[in-house]
C-alpha atoms as a PDB file:
ATOM      1  CA  ASP A   1      -4.432   0.297 -11.514  1.00  0.00           C
ATOM      2  CA  LEU A   2      -1.153   1.953 -12.552  1.00  0.00           C
ATOM      3  CA  MET A   3       0.477  -1.390 -13.291  1.00  0.00           C
ATOM      4  CA  ARG A   4      -2.605  -2.571 -15.209  1.00  0.00           C
ATOM      5  CA  ALA A   5      -2.407   0.612 -17.286  1.00  0.00           C
ATOM      6  CA  LYS A   6       1.185  -0.370 -18.135  1.00  0.00           C
ATOM      7  CA  GLY A   7      -0.033  -3.751 -19.341  1.00  0.00           C
ATOM      8  CA  ALA A   8       0.641  -5.921 -16.292  1.00  0.00           C
ATOM      9  CA  ASP A   9      -1.753  -8.779 -15.692  1.00  0.00           C
ATOM     10  CA  VAL A  10      -2.189  -8.151 -11.937  1.00  0.00           C
ATOM     11  CA  ASN A  11      -5.021  -8.364  -9.450  1.00  0.00           C
ATOM     12  CA  PRO A  12      -5.505  -7.410  -5.792  1.00  0.00           C
ATOM     13  CA  GLY A  13      -3.095  -9.473  -3.715  1.00  0.00           C
ATOM     14  CA  ASP A  14      -0.488  -9.974  -6.438  1.00  0.00           C
ATOM     15  CA  PHE A  15       1.908  -7.622  -4.627  1.00  0.00           C
ATOM     16  CA  ALA A  16       1.294  -9.530  -1.355  1.00  0.00           C
ATOM     17  CA  GLU A  17      -0.427  -6.441   0.008  1.00  0.00           C
ATOM     18  CA  ASN A  18      -2.505  -6.755   3.155  1.00  0.00           C
ATOM     19  CA  ILE A  19      -4.711  -3.742   2.423  1.00  0.00           C
ATOM     20  CA  THR A  20      -5.615  -2.086  -0.871  1.00  0.00           C
ATOM     21  CA  VAL A  21      -6.700   1.559  -0.606  1.00  0.00           C
ATOM     22  CA  GLU A  22      -8.381   3.897  -3.071  1.00  0.00           C
ATOM     23  CA  GLY A  23      -8.540   7.681  -2.848  1.00  0.00           C
ATOM     24  CA  LEU A  24      -5.283   8.333  -0.961  1.00  0.00           C
ATOM     25  CA  VAL A  25      -1.817   8.665  -2.456  1.00  0.00           C
ATOM     26  CA  LEU A  26      -0.164   6.689   0.312  1.00  0.00           C
ATOM     27  CA  TYR A  27       3.393   6.808  -1.028  1.00  0.00           C
ATOM     28  CA  GLU A  28       3.353  10.617  -0.728  1.00  0.00           C
ATOM     29  CA  LEU A  29       2.752  10.448   3.032  1.00  0.00           C
ATOM     30  CA  PRO A  30       5.775  10.990   5.256  1.00  0.00           C
ATOM     31  CA  VAL A  31       7.064   8.172   7.436  1.00  0.00           C
ATOM     32  CA  GLY A  32       5.405   8.545  10.831  1.00  0.00           C
ATOM     33  CA  THR A  33       1.988   9.475   9.399  1.00  0.00           C
ATOM     34  CA  LYS A  34      -0.853   7.815  11.263  1.00  0.00           C
ATOM     35  CA  LEU A  35      -3.804   6.332   9.402  1.00  0.00           C
ATOM     36  CA  ASN A  36      -7.243   5.650  10.868  1.00  0.00           C
ATOM     37  CA  VAL A  37      -8.882   2.557   9.414  1.00  0.00           C
ATOM     38  CA  GLY A  38     -12.478   1.537  10.004  1.00  0.00           C
ATOM     39  CA  ASP A  39     -13.632   1.551  13.614  1.00  0.00           C
ATOM     40  CA  GLY A  40     -10.642   2.573  15.748  1.00  0.00           C
ATOM     41  CA  ILE A  41      -7.724   0.908  13.980  1.00  0.00           C
ATOM     42  CA  VAL A  42      -4.591   3.043  13.831  1.00  0.00           C
ATOM     43  CA  LEU A  43      -1.584   2.348  11.603  1.00  0.00           C
ATOM     44  CA  GLU A  44       1.712   4.260  11.424  1.00  0.00           C
ATOM     45  CA  VAL A  45       3.627   4.503   8.143  1.00  0.00           C
ATOM     46  CA  THR A  46       7.112   3.063   8.707  1.00  0.00           C
ATOM     47  CA  GLN A  47       8.564   2.774   5.193  1.00  0.00           C
ATOM     48  CA  ILE A  48       7.939   3.974   1.661  1.00  0.00           C
ATOM     49  CA  GLY A  49       9.110   1.573  -1.013  1.00  0.00           C
ATOM     50  CA  LYS A  50      11.258  -1.521  -0.778  1.00  0.00           C
ATOM     51  CA  GLU A  51      14.013  -2.999  -2.828  1.00  0.00           C
ATOM     52  CA  CYS A  52      12.427  -5.113  -5.524  1.00  0.00           C
ATOM     53  CA  HIS A  53      14.132  -8.442  -6.005  1.00  0.00           C
ATOM     54  CA  SER A  54      15.611  -8.660  -9.466  1.00  0.00           C
ATOM     55  CA  GLY A  55      13.477 -10.297 -12.052  1.00  0.00           C
ATOM     56  CA  CYS A  56      10.084 -10.166 -10.345  1.00  0.00           C
ATOM     57  CA  GLU A  57       7.225 -11.352 -12.542  1.00  0.00           C
ATOM     58  CA  ILE A  58       5.671  -7.891 -12.798  1.00  0.00           C
ATOM     59  CA  GLN A  59       8.946  -6.328 -13.910  1.00  0.00           C
ATOM     60  CA  LYS A  60       9.309  -9.107 -16.490  1.00  0.00           C
ATOM     61  CA  GLN A  61       5.826  -8.338 -17.843  1.00  0.00           C
ATOM     62  CA  VAL A  62       6.123  -4.561 -18.208  1.00  0.00           C
ATOM     63  CA  GLY A  63       9.728  -3.565 -17.487  1.00  0.00           C
ATOM     64  CA  SER A  64       9.068  -1.824 -14.152  1.00  0.00           C
ATOM     65  CA  CYS A  65       7.498  -2.362 -10.745  1.00  0.00           C
ATOM     66  CA  ILE A  66       5.878   0.074  -8.319  1.00  0.00           C
ATOM     67  CA  MET A  67       7.160  -1.516  -5.119  1.00  0.00           C
ATOM     68  CA  PRO A  68      10.477   0.386  -4.909  1.00  0.00           C
ATOM     69  CA  THR A  69       8.707   3.757  -4.973  1.00  0.00           C
ATOM     70  CA  GLN A  70       5.022   3.264  -4.169  1.00  0.00           C
ATOM     71  CA  GLY A  71       4.665   0.315  -1.827  1.00  0.00           C
ATOM     72  CA  ILE A  72       4.196   1.447   1.750  1.00  0.00           C
ATOM     73  CA  PHE A  73       4.580  -0.359   5.033  1.00  0.00           C
ATOM     74  CA  ALA A  74       2.920   0.415   8.343  1.00  0.00           C
ATOM     75  CA  ARG A  75       2.883  -0.942  11.862  1.00  0.00           C
ATOM     76  CA  VAL A  76      -0.278  -1.521  13.830  1.00  0.00           C
ATOM     77  CA  LEU A  77      -0.667   0.860  16.761  1.00  0.00           C
ATOM     78  CA  THR A  78      -4.264  -0.084  17.558  1.00  0.00           C
ATOM     79  CA  GLY A  79      -5.529  -3.359  16.141  1.00  0.00           C
ATOM     80  CA  GLY A  80      -8.932  -4.619  15.140  1.00  0.00           C
ATOM     81  CA  LYS A  81     -10.844  -6.101  12.226  1.00  0.00           C
ATOM     82  CA  ILE A  82     -10.637  -4.375   8.861  1.00  0.00           C
ATOM     83  CA  ARG A  83     -13.560  -4.939   6.549  1.00  0.00           C
ATOM     84  CA  VAL A  84     -14.032  -4.327   2.854  1.00  0.00           C
ATOM     85  CA  GLY A  85     -15.299  -0.770   2.445  1.00  0.00           C
ATOM     86  CA  ASP A  86     -13.801   0.578   5.690  1.00  0.00           C
ATOM     87  CA  GLU A  87     -12.755   4.198   5.410  1.00  0.00           C
ATOM     88  CA  VAL A  88      -9.035   5.013   5.587  1.00  0.00           C
ATOM     89  CA  THR A  89      -8.110   8.560   6.611  1.00  0.00           C
ATOM     90  CA  VAL A  90      -4.965  10.416   7.599  1.00  0.00           C
ATOM     91  CA  SER A  91      -5.033  11.077  11.337  1.00  0.00           C
ATOM     92  CA  ASN A  92      -5.074  14.630  12.634  1.00  0.00           C
ATOM     93  CA  ASP A  93      -3.107  13.575  15.767  1.00  0.00           C
END
């Protein structure tokens, strides 16, 4: 949504994301935070941001990209099937 507001012509999946989440500011979570997804899936945040390769299409469109500061990465601690509409919450563990 942020990149669309800046004028980028992007859709879900254009950042090669595996999961798109609404309602949580994921990039503000510290590395090590655990996330509960759907029915028993647990992810652990391992990285916030990544170096954006120079000249990505999104940066060409609007002059900036969110990946260096807002893309997050997580490893799967407990796997399972994620479905559209599954709740994502920060774990209290």
